[in-house]
């Protein structure tokens, strides 16, 4: 997956989690709030891992090309 797709997908997941947090807060649904928190942090972590993977693959390809 390229970097733009990663940013869009994980950005959407972060927004979904944030909406769940706020909806849970306004309705008193603490389970929904907790699911929103988990969704946000999972999306952030997945985005970081995928972005690093893309960057390292690019660096690896560049080094292979040079040598």
PDB file of N, CA and C in Angstrom:
ATOM      1  N   UNK A   1       0.862  -1.173   0.000  1.00  0.00           N
ATOM      2  CA  UNK A   1       0.000   0.000   0.000  1.00  0.00           C
ATOM      3  C   UNK A   1       0.905   1.232   0.000  1.00  0.00           C
ATOM      4  N   UNK A   2       0.576   2.208  -0.830  1.00  0.00           N
ATOM      5  CA  UNK A   2       1.446   3.374  -0.836  1.00  0.00           C
ATOM      6  C   UNK A   2       1.053   4.351   0.263  1.00  0.00           C
ATOM      7  N   UNK A   3       1.916   5.298   0.488  1.00  0.00           N
ATOM      8  CA  UNK A   3       1.802   6.174   1.650  1.00  0.00           C
ATOM      9  C   UNK A   3       0.502   6.981   1.672  1.00  0.00           C
ATOM     10  N   UNK A   4       0.058   7.449   0.523  1.00  0.00           N
ATOM     11  CA  UNK A   4      -1.183   8.248   0.484  1.00  0.00           C
ATOM     12  C   UNK A   4      -2.377   7.406   0.922  1.00  0.00           C
ATOM     13  N   UNK A   5      -2.443   6.166   0.454  1.00  0.00           N
ATOM     14  CA  UNK A   5      -3.539   5.281   0.839  1.00  0.00           C
ATOM     15  C   UNK A   5      -3.504   4.998   2.339  1.00  0.00           C
ATOM     16  N   UNK A   6      -2.303   4.811   2.883  1.00  0.00           N
ATOM     17  CA  UNK A   6      -2.165   4.562   4.320  1.00  0.00           C
ATOM     18  C   UNK A   6      -2.700   5.750   5.107  1.00  0.00           C
ATOM     19  N   UNK A   7      -2.306   6.949   4.709  1.00  0.00           N
ATOM     20  CA  UNK A   7      -2.747   8.159   5.411  1.00  0.00           C
ATOM     21  C   UNK A   7      -4.268   8.303   5.339  1.00  0.00           C
ATOM     22  N   UNK A   8      -4.835   8.049   4.176  1.00  0.00           N
ATOM     23  CA  UNK A   8      -6.289   8.188   4.030  1.00  0.00           C
ATOM     24  C   UNK A   8      -7.052   7.146   4.856  1.00  0.00           C
ATOM     25  N   UNK A   9      -6.635   5.905   4.769  1.00  0.00           N
ATOM     26  CA  UNK A   9      -7.340   4.832   5.493  1.00  0.00           C
ATOM     27  C   UNK A   9      -7.219   5.035   6.999  1.00  0.00           C
ATOM     28  N   UNK A  10      -6.008   5.252   7.480  1.00  0.00           N
ATOM     29  CA  UNK A  10      -5.823   5.401   8.925  1.00  0.00           C
ATOM     30  C   UNK A  10      -6.398   6.730   9.423  1.00  0.00           C
ATOM     31  N   UNK A  11      -6.365   7.757   8.594  1.00  0.00           N
ATOM     32  CA  UNK A  11      -7.006   9.022   8.969  1.00  0.00           C
ATOM     33  C   UNK A  11      -8.508   8.839   9.156  1.00  0.00           C
ATOM     34  N   UNK A  12      -9.128   8.075   8.249  1.00  0.00           N
ATOM     35  CA  UNK A  12     -10.555   7.778   8.382  1.00  0.00           C
ATOM     36  C   UNK A  12     -10.829   7.003   9.674  1.00  0.00           C
ATOM     37  N   UNK A  13      -9.968   6.017   9.970  1.00  0.00           N
ATOM     38  CA  UNK A  13     -10.154   5.236  11.196  1.00  0.00           C
ATOM     39  C   UNK A  13     -10.005   6.107  12.447  1.00  0.00           C
ATOM     40  N   UNK A  14      -9.088   7.066  12.410  1.00  0.00           N
ATOM     41  CA  UNK A  14      -8.926   7.979  13.546  1.00  0.00           C
ATOM     42  C   UNK A  14     -10.186   8.825  13.726  1.00  0.00           C
ATOM     43  N   UNK A  15     -10.734   9.333  12.624  1.00  0.00           N
ATOM     44  CA  UNK A  15     -11.971  10.124  12.713  1.00  0.00           C
ATOM     45  C   UNK A  15     -13.129   9.281  13.240  1.00  0.00           C
ATOM     46  N   UNK A  16     -13.238   8.045  12.754  1.00  0.00           N
ATOM     47  CA  UNK A  16     -14.302   7.158  13.236  1.00  0.00           C
ATOM     48  C   UNK A  16     -14.164   6.926  14.737  1.00  0.00           C
ATOM     49  N   UNK A  17     -12.943   6.679  15.196  1.00  0.00           N
ATOM     50  CA  UNK A  17     -12.711   6.480  16.624  1.00  0.00           C
ATOM     51  C   UNK A  17     -13.048   7.718  17.430  1.00  0.00           C
ATOM     52  N   UNK A  18     -12.683   8.894  16.894  1.00  0.00           N
ATOM     53  CA  UNK A  18     -12.979  10.142  17.598  1.00  0.00           C
ATOM     54  C   UNK A  18     -14.489  10.356  17.715  1.00  0.00           C
ATOM     55  N   UNK A  19     -15.219  10.060  16.639  1.00  0.00           N
ATOM     56  CA  UNK A  19     -16.680  10.193  16.701  1.00  0.00           C
ATOM     57  C   UNK A  19     -17.273   9.229  17.721  1.00  0.00           C
ATOM     58  N   UNK A  20     -16.737   8.009  17.776  1.00  0.00           N
ATOM     59  CA  UNK A  20     -17.222   7.045  18.769  1.00  0.00           C
ATOM     60  C   UNK A  20     -16.942   7.539  20.193  1.00  0.00           C
ATOM     61  N   UNK A  21     -15.787   8.152  20.400  1.00  0.00           N
ATOM     62  CA  UNK A  21     -15.454   8.691  21.725  1.00  0.00           C
ATOM     63  C   UNK A  21     -16.469   9.763  22.125  1.00  0.00           C
ATOM     64  N   UNK A  22     -16.718  10.710  21.216  1.00  0.00           N
ATOM     65  CA  UNK A  22     -17.650  11.794  21.536  1.00  0.00           C
ATOM     66  C   UNK A  22     -19.089  11.296  21.681  1.00  0.00           C
ATOM     67  N   UNK A  23     -19.494  10.367  20.798  1.00  0.00           N
ATOM     68  CA  UNK A  23     -20.847   9.821  20.908  1.00  0.00           C
ATOM     69  C   UNK A  23     -21.016   9.083  22.235  1.00  0.00           C
ATOM     70  N   UNK A  24     -20.015   8.298  22.611  1.00  0.00           N
ATOM     71  CA  UNK A  24     -20.067   7.586  23.883  1.00  0.00           C
ATOM     72  C   UNK A  24     -20.101   8.536  25.063  1.00  0.00           C
ATOM     73  N   UNK A  25     -19.363   9.641  24.971  1.00  0.00           N
ATOM     74  CA  UNK A  25     -19.338  10.622  26.062  1.00  0.00           C
ATOM     75  C   UNK A  25     -20.704  11.297  26.221  1.00  0.00           C
ATOM     76  N   UNK A  26     -21.336  11.623  25.097  1.00  0.00           N
ATOM     77  CA  UNK A  26     -22.624  12.313  25.179  1.00  0.00           C
ATOM     78  C   UNK A  26     -23.770  11.397  25.581  1.00  0.00           C
ATOM     79  N   UNK A  27     -23.647  10.112  25.251  1.00  0.00           N
ATOM     80  CA  UNK A  27     -24.728   9.189  25.574  1.00  0.00           C
ATOM     81  C   UNK A  27     -24.460   8.396  26.855  1.00  0.00           C
ATOM     82  N   UNK A  28     -23.266   8.534  27.381  1.00  0.00           N
ATOM     83  CA  UNK A  28     -22.915   7.784  28.588  1.00  0.00           C
ATOM     84  C   UNK A  28     -22.552   6.338  28.310  1.00  0.00           C
ATOM     85  N   UNK A  29     -22.294   6.020  27.055  1.00  0.00           N
ATOM     86  CA  UNK A  29     -21.926   4.657  26.657  1.00  0.00           C
ATOM     87  C   UNK A  29     -20.408   4.515  26.751  1.00  0.00           C
ATOM     88  N   UNK A  30     -19.952   4.080  27.914  1.00  0.00           N
ATOM     89  CA  UNK A  30     -18.505   4.021  28.168  1.00  0.00           C
ATOM     90  C   UNK A  30     -17.827   2.947  27.346  1.00  0.00           C
ATOM     91  N   UNK A  31     -18.541   1.870  27.009  1.00  0.00           N
ATOM     92  CA  UNK A  31     -17.975   0.817  26.160  1.00  0.00           C
ATOM     93  C   UNK A  31     -17.689   1.367  24.760  1.00  0.00           C
ATOM     94  N   UNK A  32     -18.599   2.185  24.239  1.00  0.00           N
ATOM     95  CA  UNK A  32     -18.395   2.807  22.934  1.00  0.00           C
ATOM     96  C   UNK A  32     -17.215   3.774  22.981  1.00  0.00           C
ATOM     97  N   UNK A  33     -17.115   4.520  24.062  1.00  0.00           N
ATOM     98  CA  UNK A  33     -15.979   5.426  24.222  1.00  0.00           C
ATOM     99  C   UNK A  33     -14.675   4.646  24.209  1.00  0.00           C
ATOM    100  N   UNK A  34     -14.616   3.554  24.950  1.00  0.00           N
ATOM    101  CA  UNK A  34     -13.404   2.749  25.026  1.00  0.00           C
ATOM    102  C   UNK A  34     -13.054   2.164  23.652  1.00  0.00           C
ATOM    103  N   UNK A  35     -14.070   1.706  22.917  1.00  0.00           N
ATOM    104  CA  UNK A  35     -13.824   1.197  21.563  1.00  0.00           C
ATOM    105  C   UNK A  35     -13.265   2.305  20.674  1.00  0.00           C
ATOM    106  N   UNK A  36     -13.766   3.521  20.848  1.00  0.00           N
ATOM    107  CA  UNK A  36     -13.246   4.652  20.083  1.00  0.00           C
ATOM    108  C   UNK A  36     -11.784   4.934  20.396  1.00  0.00           C
ATOM    109  N   UNK A  37     -11.433   4.871  21.680  1.00  0.00           N
ATOM    110  CA  UNK A  37     -10.040   5.086  22.091  1.00  0.00           C
ATOM    111  C   UNK A  37      -9.148   4.008  21.473  1.00  0.00           C
ATOM    112  N   UNK A  38      -9.598   2.764  21.535  1.00  0.00           N
ATOM    113  CA  UNK A  38      -8.813   1.669  20.955  1.00  0.00           C
ATOM    114  C   UNK A  38      -8.663   1.844  19.446  1.00  0.00           C
ATOM    115  N   UNK A  39      -9.726   2.273  18.778  1.00  0.00           N
ATOM    116  CA  UNK A  39      -9.678   2.479  17.335  1.00  0.00           C
ATOM    117  C   UNK A  39      -8.672   3.565  16.967  1.00  0.00           C
ATOM    118  N   UNK A  40      -8.691   4.673  17.721  1.00  0.00           N
ATOM    119  CA  UNK A  40      -7.766   5.773  17.444  1.00  0.00           C
ATOM    120  C   UNK A  40      -6.326   5.321  17.612  1.00  0.00           C
ATOM    121  N   UNK A  41      -6.006   4.696  18.729  1.00  0.00           N
ATOM    122  CA  UNK A  41      -4.622   4.294  18.969  1.00  0.00           C
ATOM    123  C   UNK A  41      -4.166   3.182  18.028  1.00  0.00           C
ATOM    124  N   UNK A  42      -5.072   2.275  17.679  1.00  0.00           N
ATOM    125  CA  UNK A  42      -4.727   1.230  16.712  1.00  0.00           C
ATOM    126  C   UNK A  42      -4.431   1.848  15.348  1.00  0.00           C
ATOM    127  N   UNK A  43      -5.241   2.812  14.933  1.00  0.00           N
ATOM    128  CA  UNK A  43      -5.022   3.473  13.642  1.00  0.00           C
ATOM    129  C   UNK A  43      -3.704   4.238  13.635  1.00  0.00           C
ATOM    130  N   UNK A  44      -3.397   4.921  14.718  1.00  0.00           N
ATOM    131  CA  UNK A  44      -2.135   5.655  14.796  1.00  0.00           C
ATOM    132  C   UNK A  44      -0.966   4.682  14.705  1.00  0.00           C
ATOM    133  N   UNK A  45      -0.998   3.612  15.480  1.00  0.00           N
ATOM    134  CA  UNK A  45       0.090   2.637  15.488  1.00  0.00           C
ATOM    135  C   UNK A  45       0.235   1.967  14.120  1.00  0.00           C
ATOM    136  N   UNK A  46      -0.877   1.587  13.504  1.00  0.00           N
ATOM    137  CA  UNK A  46      -0.832   0.968  12.183  1.00  0.00           C
ATOM    138  C   UNK A  46      -0.262   1.935  11.152  1.00  0.00           C
ATOM    139  N   UNK A  47      -0.663   3.181  11.218  1.00  0.00           N
ATOM    140  CA  UNK A  47      -0.132   4.187  10.302  1.00  0.00           C
ATOM    141  C   UNK A  47       1.366   4.365  10.438  1.00  0.00           C
ATOM    142  N   UNK A  48       1.848   4.399  11.668  1.00  0.00           N
ATOM    143  CA  UNK A  48       3.291   4.537  11.906  1.00  0.00           C
ATOM    144  C   UNK A  48       4.031   3.321  11.361  1.00  0.00           C
ATOM    145  N   UNK A  49       3.534   2.120  11.669  1.00  0.00           N
ATOM    146  CA  UNK A  49       4.198   0.894  11.198  1.00  0.00           C
ATOM    147  C   UNK A  49       4.237   0.834   9.676  1.00  0.00           C
ATOM    148  N   UNK A  50       3.119   1.128   9.031  1.00  0.00           N
ATOM    149  CA  UNK A  50       3.052   1.062   7.573  1.00  0.00           C
ATOM    150  C   UNK A  50       3.928   2.132   6.924  1.00  0.00           C
ATOM    151  N   UNK A  51       3.929   3.343   7.476  1.00  0.00           N
ATOM    152  CA  UNK A  51       4.766   4.412   6.928  1.00  0.00           C
ATOM    153  C   UNK A  51       6.241   4.064   7.054  1.00  0.00           C
ATOM    154  N   UNK A  52       6.643   3.501   8.182  1.00  0.00           N
ATOM    155  CA  UNK A  52       8.033   3.081   8.347  1.00  0.00           C
ATOM    156  C   UNK A  52       8.380   1.951   7.385  1.00  0.00           C
ATOM    157  N   UNK A  53       7.462   1.049   7.178  1.00  0.00           N
ATOM    158  CA  UNK A  53       7.692  -0.048   6.245  1.00  0.00           C
ATOM    159  C   UNK A  53       7.912   0.483   4.829  1.00  0.00           C
ATOM    160  N   UNK A  54       7.081   1.425   4.409  1.00  0.00           N
ATOM    161  CA  UNK A  54       7.226   2.016   3.077  1.00  0.00           C
ATOM    162  C   UNK A  54       8.560   2.756   2.973  1.00  0.00           C
ATOM    163  N   UNK A  55       8.921   3.512   4.006  1.00  0.00           N
ATOM    164  CA  UNK A  55      10.179   4.256   3.993  1.00  0.00           C
ATOM    165  C   UNK A  55      11.378   3.316   3.942  1.00  0.00           C
ATOM    166  N   UNK A  56      11.365   2.274   4.747  1.00  0.00           N
ATOM    167  CA  UNK A  56      12.484   1.335   4.760  1.00  0.00           C
ATOM    168  C   UNK A  56      12.591   0.561   3.451  1.00  0.00           C
ATOM    169  N   UNK A  57      11.478   0.227   2.861  1.00  0.00           N
ATOM    170  CA  UNK A  57      11.495  -0.439   1.563  1.00  0.00           C
ATOM    171  C   UNK A  57      12.105   0.481   0.506  1.00  0.00           C
ATOM    172  N   UNK A  58      11.733   1.745   0.539  1.00  0.00           N
ATOM    173  CA  UNK A  58      12.303   2.713  -0.399  1.00  0.00           C
ATOM    174  C   UNK A  58      13.800   2.875  -0.218  1.00  0.00           C
ATOM    175  N   UNK A  59      14.240   2.957   1.023  1.00  0.00           N
ATOM    176  CA  UNK A  59      15.675   3.072   1.311  1.00  0.00           C
ATOM    177  C   UNK A  59      16.402   1.815   0.846  1.00  0.00           C
ATOM    178  N   UNK A  60      15.835   0.665   1.118  1.00  0.00           N
ATOM    179  CA  UNK A  60      16.434  -0.600   0.704  1.00  0.00           C
ATOM    180  C   UNK A  60      16.547  -0.677  -0.821  1.00  0.00           C
ATOM    181  N   UNK A  61      15.496  -0.288  -1.525  1.00  0.00           N
ATOM    182  CA  UNK A  61      15.529  -0.300  -2.985  1.00  0.00           C
ATOM    183  C   UNK A  61      16.583   0.659  -3.524  1.00  0.00           C
ATOM    184  N   UNK A  62      16.702   1.817  -2.906  1.00  0.00           N
ATOM    185  CA  UNK A  62      17.687   2.806  -3.331  1.00  0.00           C
ATOM    186  C   UNK A  62      19.103   2.261  -3.145  1.00  0.00           C
ATOM    187  N   UNK A  63      19.363   1.646  -1.998  1.00  0.00           N
ATOM    188  CA  UNK A  63      20.691   1.088  -1.727  1.00  0.00           C
ATOM    189  C   UNK A  63      20.998  -0.035  -2.733  1.00  0.00           C
ATOM    190  N   UNK A  64      20.023  -0.872  -3.047  1.00  0.00           N
ATOM    191  CA  UNK A  64      20.238  -1.929  -4.031  1.00  0.00           C
ATOM    192  C   UNK A  64      20.569  -1.341  -5.402  1.00  0.00           C
ATOM    193  N   UNK A  65      19.921  -0.244  -5.738  1.00  0.00           N
ATOM    194  CA  UNK A  65      20.170   0.397  -7.027  1.00  0.00           C
ATOM    195  C   UNK A  65      21.580   0.977  -7.085  1.00  0.00           C
ATOM    196  N   UNK A  66      22.032   1.596  -6.000  1.00  0.00           N
ATOM    197  CA  UNK A  66      23.353   2.212  -5.954  1.00  0.00           C
ATOM    198  C   UNK A  66      24.440   1.153  -6.042  1.00  0.00           C
ATOM    199  N   UNK A  67      24.263   0.055  -5.341  1.00  0.00           N
ATOM    200  CA  UNK A  67      25.285  -0.989  -5.323  1.00  0.00           C
ATOM    201  C   UNK A  67      24.865  -2.070  -6.253  1.00  0.00           C
TER     202      UNK A  67
END
